[in-house]
């Protein structure tokens, strides 16, 4: 798999919450860190995702927002 995105995190599906149209997929990426993705139910089925599936979280963003405590 070759991508233009540089933020690719390898992980494992640790949970899936299914809705009518979308699913929330939680991906453990190590060290207790979790990335969450909202995908369509069609994509969930097409990718054959289930708990324990190996996946790559691909993050492509045009900007990064930062915040600090006052």
PDB file of N, CA and C in Angstrom:
ATOM      1  N   UNK A   1       0.855  -1.171   0.000  1.00  0.00           N
ATOM      2  CA  UNK A   1       0.000   0.000   0.000  1.00  0.00           C
ATOM      3  C   UNK A   1       0.900   1.233   0.000  1.00  0.00           C
ATOM      4  N   UNK A   2       0.813   2.039  -1.034  1.00  0.00           N
ATOM      5  CA  UNK A   2       1.541   3.302  -1.115  1.00  0.00           C
ATOM      6  C   UNK A   2       0.540   4.436  -1.036  1.00  0.00           C
ATOM      7  N   UNK A   3       0.862   5.421  -0.207  1.00  0.00           N
ATOM      8  CA  UNK A   3      -0.035   6.562   0.009  1.00  0.00           C
ATOM      9  C   UNK A   3       0.749   7.859   0.012  1.00  0.00           C
ATOM     10  N   UNK A   4       0.069   8.953  -0.266  1.00  0.00           N
ATOM     11  CA  UNK A   4       0.714  10.254  -0.146  1.00  0.00           C
ATOM     12  C   UNK A   4       0.704  10.733   1.305  1.00  0.00           C
ATOM     13  N   UNK A   5      -0.200  10.215   2.106  1.00  0.00           N
ATOM     14  CA  UNK A   5      -0.290  10.614   3.513  1.00  0.00           C
ATOM     15  C   UNK A   5       0.943  10.125   4.259  1.00  0.00           C
ATOM     16  N   UNK A   6       1.465  10.935   5.147  1.00  0.00           N
ATOM     17  CA  UNK A   6       2.652  10.564   5.914  1.00  0.00           C
ATOM     18  C   UNK A   6       2.316  10.132   7.332  1.00  0.00           C
ATOM     19  N   UNK A   7       1.108  10.345   7.759  1.00  0.00           N
ATOM     20  CA  UNK A   7       0.692   9.984   9.108  1.00  0.00           C
ATOM     21  C   UNK A   7      -0.069   8.662   9.062  1.00  0.00           C
ATOM     22  N   UNK A   8       0.664   7.563   9.092  1.00  0.00           N
ATOM     23  CA  UNK A   8       0.082   6.230   9.028  1.00  0.00           C
ATOM     24  C   UNK A   8       0.452   5.494  10.317  1.00  0.00           C
ATOM     25  N   UNK A   9      -0.554   5.093  11.064  1.00  0.00           N
ATOM     26  CA  UNK A   9      -0.349   4.422  12.343  1.00  0.00           C
ATOM     27  C   UNK A   9      -0.872   2.994  12.257  1.00  0.00           C
ATOM     28  N   UNK A  10       0.004   2.024  12.477  1.00  0.00           N
ATOM     29  CA  UNK A  10      -0.403   0.626  12.445  1.00  0.00           C
ATOM     30  C   UNK A  10      -1.036   0.277  13.784  1.00  0.00           C
ATOM     31  N   UNK A  11      -2.145  -0.445  13.737  1.00  0.00           N
ATOM     32  CA  UNK A  11      -2.812  -0.821  14.971  1.00  0.00           C
ATOM     33  C   UNK A  11      -3.737  -1.999  14.806  1.00  0.00           C
ATOM     34  N   UNK A  12      -4.528  -2.228  15.838  1.00  0.00           N
ATOM     35  CA  UNK A  12      -5.454  -3.352  15.876  1.00  0.00           C
ATOM     36  C   UNK A  12      -6.809  -2.837  16.346  1.00  0.00           C
ATOM     37  N   UNK A  13      -7.886  -3.286  15.700  1.00  0.00           N
ATOM     38  CA  UNK A  13      -9.238  -2.888  16.097  1.00  0.00           C
ATOM     39  C   UNK A  13      -9.511  -3.449  17.501  1.00  0.00           C
ATOM     40  N   UNK A  14      -9.857  -2.546  18.419  1.00  0.00           N
ATOM     41  CA  UNK A  14     -10.152  -2.982  19.787  1.00  0.00           C
ATOM     42  C   UNK A  14     -11.634  -2.857  20.123  1.00  0.00           C
ATOM     43  N   UNK A  15     -12.386  -2.217  19.257  1.00  0.00           N
ATOM     44  CA  UNK A  15     -13.821  -2.113  19.489  1.00  0.00           C
ATOM     45  C   UNK A  15     -14.537  -1.460  18.326  1.00  0.00           C
ATOM     46  N   UNK A  16     -15.799  -1.841  18.139  1.00  0.00           N
ATOM     47  CA  UNK A  16     -16.637  -1.272  17.081  1.00  0.00           C
ATOM     48  C   UNK A  16     -18.021  -1.020  17.650  1.00  0.00           C
ATOM     49  N   UNK A  17     -18.488   0.225  17.524  1.00  0.00           N
ATOM     50  CA  UNK A  17     -19.856   0.582  17.905  1.00  0.00           C
ATOM     51  C   UNK A  17     -20.628   0.841  16.623  1.00  0.00           C
ATOM     52  N   UNK A  18     -21.574  -0.034  16.303  1.00  0.00           N
ATOM     53  CA  UNK A  18     -22.329   0.067  15.056  1.00  0.00           C
ATOM     54  C   UNK A  18     -23.584   0.907  15.232  1.00  0.00           C
ATOM     55  N   UNK A  19     -23.809   1.814  14.279  1.00  0.00           N
ATOM     56  CA  UNK A  19     -25.030   2.585  14.211  1.00  0.00           C
ATOM     57  C   UNK A  19     -25.808   2.172  12.978  1.00  0.00           C
ATOM     58  N   UNK A  20     -26.813   2.960  12.623  1.00  0.00           N
ATOM     59  CA  UNK A  20     -27.602   2.644  11.429  1.00  0.00           C
ATOM     60  C   UNK A  20     -26.820   2.930  10.149  1.00  0.00           C
ATOM     61  N   UNK A  21     -26.074   4.042  10.141  1.00  0.00           N
ATOM     62  CA  UNK A  21     -25.386   4.476   8.932  1.00  0.00           C
ATOM     63  C   UNK A  21     -23.864   4.424   9.081  1.00  0.00           C
ATOM     64  N   UNK A  22     -23.378   4.709  10.286  1.00  0.00           N
ATOM     65  CA  UNK A  22     -21.935   4.742  10.515  1.00  0.00           C
ATOM     66  C   UNK A  22     -21.532   3.825  11.661  1.00  0.00           C
ATOM     67  N   UNK A  23     -20.248   3.556  11.714  1.00  0.00           N
ATOM     68  CA  UNK A  23     -19.674   2.774  12.803  1.00  0.00           C
ATOM     69  C   UNK A  23     -18.496   3.554  13.374  1.00  0.00           C
ATOM     70  N   UNK A  24     -18.330   3.494  14.688  1.00  0.00           N
ATOM     71  CA  UNK A  24     -17.179   4.082  15.354  1.00  0.00           C
ATOM     72  C   UNK A  24     -16.203   2.938  15.612  1.00  0.00           C
ATOM     73  N   UNK A  25     -15.026   3.049  15.042  1.00  0.00           N
ATOM     74  CA  UNK A  25     -14.014   2.003  15.159  1.00  0.00           C
ATOM     75  C   UNK A  25     -12.876   2.530  16.032  1.00  0.00           C
ATOM     76  N   UNK A  26     -12.562   1.807  17.115  1.00  0.00           N
ATOM     77  CA  UNK A  26     -11.466   2.174  18.007  1.00  0.00           C
ATOM     78  C   UNK A  26     -10.263   1.299  17.683  1.00  0.00           C
ATOM     79  N   UNK A  27      -9.113   1.959  17.488  1.00  0.00           N
ATOM     80  CA  UNK A  27      -7.897   1.274  17.074  1.00  0.00           C
ATOM     81  C   UNK A  27      -6.813   1.509  18.121  1.00  0.00           C
ATOM     82  N   UNK A  28      -6.322   0.427  18.695  1.00  0.00           N
ATOM     83  CA  UNK A  28      -5.197   0.519  19.619  1.00  0.00           C
ATOM     84  C   UNK A  28      -3.911   0.593  18.828  1.00  0.00           C
ATOM     85  N   UNK A  29      -3.090   1.628  19.125  1.00  0.00           N
ATOM     86  CA  UNK A  29      -1.853   1.820  18.364  1.00  0.00           C
ATOM     87  C   UNK A  29      -0.613   1.619  19.239  1.00  0.00           C
ATOM     88  N   UNK A  30      -0.809   1.092  20.426  1.00  0.00           N
ATOM     89  CA  UNK A  30       0.319   0.804  21.304  1.00  0.00           C
ATOM     90  C   UNK A  30       0.457   1.813  22.421  1.00  0.00           C
ATOM     91  N   UNK A  31       1.027   1.370  23.517  1.00  0.00           N
ATOM     92  CA  UNK A  31       1.260   2.255  24.650  1.00  0.00           C
ATOM     93  C   UNK A  31      -0.010   2.772  25.298  1.00  0.00           C
ATOM     94  N   UNK A  32      -1.120   2.093  25.069  1.00  0.00           N
ATOM     95  CA  UNK A  32      -2.399   2.533  25.617  1.00  0.00           C
ATOM     96  C   UNK A  32      -3.094   3.611  24.805  1.00  0.00           C
ATOM     97  N   UNK A  33      -2.466   4.059  23.713  1.00  0.00           N
ATOM     98  CA  UNK A  33      -3.058   5.094  22.855  1.00  0.00           C
ATOM     99  C   UNK A  33      -4.106   4.477  21.931  1.00  0.00           C
ATOM    100  N   UNK A  34      -5.191   5.220  21.735  1.00  0.00           N
ATOM    101  CA  UNK A  34      -6.299   4.758  20.893  1.00  0.00           C
ATOM    102  C   UNK A  34      -6.662   5.847  19.895  1.00  0.00           C
ATOM    103  N   UNK A  35      -6.822   5.454  18.634  1.00  0.00           N
ATOM    104  CA  UNK A  35      -7.314   6.341  17.574  1.00  0.00           C
ATOM    105  C   UNK A  35      -8.732   5.898  17.254  1.00  0.00           C
ATOM    106  N   UNK A  36      -9.632   6.849  17.099  1.00  0.00           N
ATOM    107  CA  UNK A  36     -11.032   6.546  16.793  1.00  0.00           C
ATOM    108  C   UNK A  36     -11.368   7.052  15.402  1.00  0.00           C
ATOM    109  N   UNK A  37     -12.070   6.219  14.641  1.00  0.00           N
ATOM    110  CA  UNK A  37     -12.468   6.580  13.287  1.00  0.00           C
ATOM    111  C   UNK A  37     -13.965   6.333  13.107  1.00  0.00           C
ATOM    112  N   UNK A  38     -14.621   7.264  12.438  1.00  0.00           N
ATOM    113  CA  UNK A  38     -16.026   7.106  12.082  1.00  0.00           C
ATOM    114  C   UNK A  38     -16.082   6.756  10.599  1.00  0.00           C
ATOM    115  N   UNK A  39     -16.614   5.562  10.283  1.00  0.00           N
ATOM    116  CA  UNK A  39     -16.699   5.116   8.895  1.00  0.00           C
ATOM    117  C   UNK A  39     -18.130   4.674   8.604  1.00  0.00           C
ATOM    118  N   UNK A  40     -18.460   4.563   7.339  1.00  0.00           N
ATOM    119  CA  UNK A  40     -19.801   4.109   6.983  1.00  0.00           C
ATOM    120  C   UNK A  40     -19.925   2.611   7.264  1.00  0.00           C
ATOM    121  N   UNK A  41     -21.145   2.161   7.442  1.00  0.00           N
ATOM    122  CA  UNK A  41     -21.396   0.732   7.632  1.00  0.00           C
ATOM    123  C   UNK A  41     -20.990  -0.036   6.373  1.00  0.00           C
ATOM    124  N   UNK A  42     -21.148   0.601   5.211  1.00  0.00           N
ATOM    125  CA  UNK A  42     -20.736  -0.035   3.957  1.00  0.00           C
ATOM    126  C   UNK A  42     -19.225  -0.276   3.957  1.00  0.00           C
ATOM    127  N   UNK A  43     -18.451   0.704   4.427  1.00  0.00           N
ATOM    128  CA  UNK A  43     -16.997   0.548   4.495  1.00  0.00           C
ATOM    129  C   UNK A  43     -16.617  -0.526   5.505  1.00  0.00           C
ATOM    130  N   UNK A  44     -17.312  -0.576   6.634  1.00  0.00           N
ATOM    131  CA  UNK A  44     -17.058  -1.597   7.654  1.00  0.00           C
ATOM    132  C   UNK A  44     -17.219  -2.995   7.050  1.00  0.00           C
ATOM    133  N   UNK A  45     -18.296  -3.164   6.295  1.00  0.00           N
ATOM    134  CA  UNK A  45     -18.568  -4.454   5.660  1.00  0.00           C
ATOM    135  C   UNK A  45     -17.552  -4.753   4.560  1.00  0.00           C
ATOM    136  N   UNK A  46     -17.256  -3.753   3.728  1.00  0.00           N
ATOM    137  CA  UNK A  46     -16.337  -3.924   2.615  1.00  0.00           C
ATOM    138  C   UNK A  46     -14.937  -4.291   3.102  1.00  0.00           C
ATOM    139  N   UNK A  47     -14.485  -3.671   4.193  1.00  0.00           N
ATOM    140  CA  UNK A  47     -13.155  -3.937   4.750  1.00  0.00           C
ATOM    141  C   UNK A  47     -13.127  -5.185   5.636  1.00  0.00           C
ATOM    142  N   UNK A  48     -14.325  -5.730   5.898  1.00  0.00           N
ATOM    143  CA  UNK A  48     -14.457  -6.929   6.740  1.00  0.00           C
ATOM    144  C   UNK A  48     -13.793  -6.750   8.101  1.00  0.00           C
ATOM    145  N   UNK A  49     -14.025  -5.561   8.691  1.00  0.00           N
ATOM    146  CA  UNK A  49     -13.414  -5.257   9.980  1.00  0.00           C
ATOM    147  C   UNK A  49     -14.147  -5.938  11.124  1.00  0.00           C
ATOM    148  N   UNK A  50     -13.383  -6.383  12.088  1.00  0.00           N
ATOM    149  CA  UNK A  50     -13.932  -6.956  13.315  1.00  0.00           C
ATOM    150  C   UNK A  50     -12.900  -6.738  14.407  1.00  0.00           C
ATOM    151  N   UNK A  51     -13.297  -6.954  15.636  1.00  0.00           N
ATOM    152  CA  UNK A  51     -12.382  -6.802  16.751  1.00  0.00           C
ATOM    153  C   UNK A  51     -11.193  -7.733  16.522  1.00  0.00           C
ATOM    154  N   UNK A  52      -9.989  -7.184  16.652  1.00  0.00           N
ATOM    155  CA  UNK A  52      -8.773  -7.957  16.425  1.00  0.00           C
ATOM    156  C   UNK A  52      -8.173  -7.788  15.045  1.00  0.00           C
ATOM    157  N   UNK A  53      -8.899  -7.151  14.113  1.00  0.00           N
ATOM    158  CA  UNK A  53      -8.370  -6.936  12.761  1.00  0.00           C
ATOM    159  C   UNK A  53      -7.156  -6.007  12.810  1.00  0.00           C
ATOM    160  N   UNK A  54      -6.124  -6.342  12.033  1.00  0.00           N
ATOM    161  CA  UNK A  54      -4.983  -5.449  11.861  1.00  0.00           C
ATOM    162  C   UNK A  54      -5.365  -4.383  10.840  1.00  0.00           C
ATOM    163  N   UNK A  55      -5.082  -3.122  11.159  1.00  0.00           N
ATOM    164  CA  UNK A  55      -5.437  -2.003  10.278  1.00  0.00           C
ATOM    165  C   UNK A  55      -4.338  -0.951  10.296  1.00  0.00           C
ATOM    166  N   UNK A  56      -4.437  -0.034   9.371  1.00  0.00           N
ATOM    167  CA  UNK A  56      -3.597   1.157   9.349  1.00  0.00           C
ATOM    168  C   UNK A  56      -4.531   2.361   9.466  1.00  0.00           C
ATOM    169  N   UNK A  57      -4.300   3.211  10.447  1.00  0.00           N
ATOM    170  CA  UNK A  57      -5.044   4.464  10.569  1.00  0.00           C
ATOM    171  C   UNK A  57      -4.272   5.502   9.760  1.00  0.00           C
ATOM    172  N   UNK A  58      -4.903   6.028   8.736  1.00  0.00           N
ATOM    173  CA  UNK A  58      -4.257   6.976   7.833  1.00  0.00           C
ATOM    174  C   UNK A  58      -4.863   8.344   8.086  1.00  0.00           C
ATOM    175  N   UNK A  59      -4.030   9.273   8.521  1.00  0.00           N
ATOM    176  CA  UNK A  59      -4.515  10.592   8.930  1.00  0.00           C
ATOM    177  C   UNK A  59      -4.006  11.615   7.921  1.00  0.00           C
ATOM    178  N   UNK A  60      -4.934  12.243   7.245  1.00  0.00           N
ATOM    179  CA  UNK A  60      -4.604  13.266   6.258  1.00  0.00           C
ATOM    180  C   UNK A  60      -5.366  14.529   6.650  1.00  0.00           C
ATOM    181  N   UNK A  61      -4.644  15.547   7.031  1.00  0.00           N
ATOM    182  CA  UNK A  61      -5.296  16.780   7.481  1.00  0.00           C
ATOM    183  C   UNK A  61      -4.603  17.985   6.856  1.00  0.00           C
ATOM    184  N   UNK A  62      -5.384  19.002   6.579  1.00  0.00           N
ATOM    185  CA  UNK A  62      -4.813  20.212   5.996  1.00  0.00           C
ATOM    186  C   UNK A  62      -4.317  21.173   7.062  1.00  0.00           C
ATOM    187  N   UNK A  63      -4.707  20.946   8.308  1.00  0.00           N
ATOM    188  CA  UNK A  63      -4.235  21.809   9.394  1.00  0.00           C
ATOM    189  C   UNK A  63      -4.268  21.044  10.708  1.00  0.00           C
ATOM    190  N   UNK A  64      -3.451  21.497  11.623  1.00  0.00           N
ATOM    191  CA  UNK A  64      -3.415  20.927  12.970  1.00  0.00           C
ATOM    192  C   UNK A  64      -3.705  22.047  13.950  1.00  0.00           C
ATOM    193  N   UNK A  65      -4.726  21.874  14.775  1.00  0.00           N
ATOM    194  CA  UNK A  65      -5.086  22.874  15.767  1.00  0.00           C
ATOM    195  C   UNK A  65      -4.439  22.531  17.098  1.00  0.00           C
ATOM    196  N   UNK A  66      -3.982  23.542  17.806  1.00  0.00           N
ATOM    197  CA  UNK A  66      -3.376  23.362  19.111  1.00  0.00           C
ATOM    198  C   UNK A  66      -4.144  24.145  20.149  1.00  0.00           C
ATOM    199  N   UNK A  67      -4.144  23.680  21.381  1.00  0.00           N
ATOM    200  CA  UNK A  67      -4.801  24.382  22.468  1.00  0.00           C
ATOM    201  C   UNK A  67      -3.954  24.305  23.720  1.00  0.00           C
ATOM    202  N   UNK A  68      -4.084  25.315  24.563  1.00  0.00           N
ATOM    203  CA  UNK A  68      -3.387  25.321  25.842  1.00  0.00           C
ATOM    204  C   UNK A  68      -4.343  25.725  26.935  1.00  0.00           C
ATOM    205  N   UNK A  69      -4.068  25.305  28.145  1.00  0.00           N
ATOM    206  CA  UNK A  69      -4.881  25.724  29.287  1.00  0.00           C
ATOM    207  C   UNK A  69      -4.540  27.176  29.642  1.00  0.00           C
ATOM    208  N   UNK A  70      -5.560  27.916  30.054  1.00  0.00           N
ATOM    209  CA  UNK A  70      -5.328  29.327  30.451  1.00  0.00           C
ATOM    210  C   UNK A  70      -4.558  29.412  31.732  1.00  0.00           C
TER     211      UNK A  70
END
